[in-house]
């Protein structure tokens, strides 16, 4: 018989994917250039030439076994070493090869990290707003995801609510900064406060509490800011990274876990992840992709378009009277809807060919997410539709 648990998921598909499919279908009718699709966080800038050139070089020069054969279960050893060296140079850390585990993107990294530091029945805390797939990543391990309500004043961590929800059953805290969906980058003050708090709780509960730091957007930061590297503030940190955003490689599914050398059992956590792979059917990402990204560790695609788009959209939303917090990074913005029911708001927007994602699945009601990883020209053209939408549906007076 078909697994009824997974079968039941068919009626609760990802809202983001559902809206992206709607946008694609609408585009087939009216031309996708006329659909203002802010649904899916699919990086829009090209991958750097160096990556493509390296892929071509590898396929032209390596023998079949070196190019297409299995890499070691923890990932290509030379690639792991290069990742460790690059992190040490960039962040002043002390990683060694044994602290790096190659994964199929940040999702694969979180899947391994969660299993490594929890067992069925344990709790993992995260903070709203949060990426909806965290529910699947954590709950499918047998652990339970507990979501701390949002601090809607600034979308930093809600410490008063955290204090109500933490318990000795919490084994890990899953954070994401810069954050999907809010675009907020946690301040250094917030990070220090969280780390101090968790150290106190470790001492009180007499067991480790790990931070699982989901960091695929750390290179997309605005206004000249640098994103604090979480592992520099807290010993028990497992850094989960993806090259999907920094190098525009989402389809290649390539990332890693970096185990803080100061963490408990740091020298064996990557090895444990290799054993976890046996149980979830993951045996490291593609060999050639690992080798290619290893030559691009100090570079990114041209990410400047995301800040340009953010500034345009933020200014437009403010002009139209939306309550919105200025993002510190990513390619997302998270305004408050013009009515309490964000789903109704986003459904009305569809009539104007605007595809917006309601906030309910992100753990907050009454907001919506715009993923602005699209061409700037299309962002600018979308404003006419946005202005028409809010004027006709909500009586917003458009001022020049």
Foldseek 3Di string as FASTA:
>chain_A
DPDVVVVVCVVVDDLLVVLVVVLVVVCVVVNSLQFAAQRDQQFQFAFDPLLVVLLVVCVVPDDCCLAFNAAAQQANQVLLQLLQVLCCVVAVARFGSLQKGKFQALLRLLLLVLLLFAAADAEEEEEFLADLCVQVSNVVRNYGYDYQYAPVVARQGPVVSVVVPDDLRAQEYEYEAVGPAALAGHDPVSLLVVQVVQVVVCVVSVHHYAYEYEYAWQVFFPPPDHHRDSCVRHQRYWYRYGLCHFRVPNVQRITMIGHRPSHVVSSCSSVVSSVVCVVVVDRHGRSSSSVSVSVVSPHGGPNVVLNVLLVVVVVLCVQQPWAWHRRRGDNKTKTFAPDQAQVVRQVLLVVLSYHWAARVSSPDTRIIMGRPSDDSVSSVVCSVSVVVSCCVPPVGDRDD
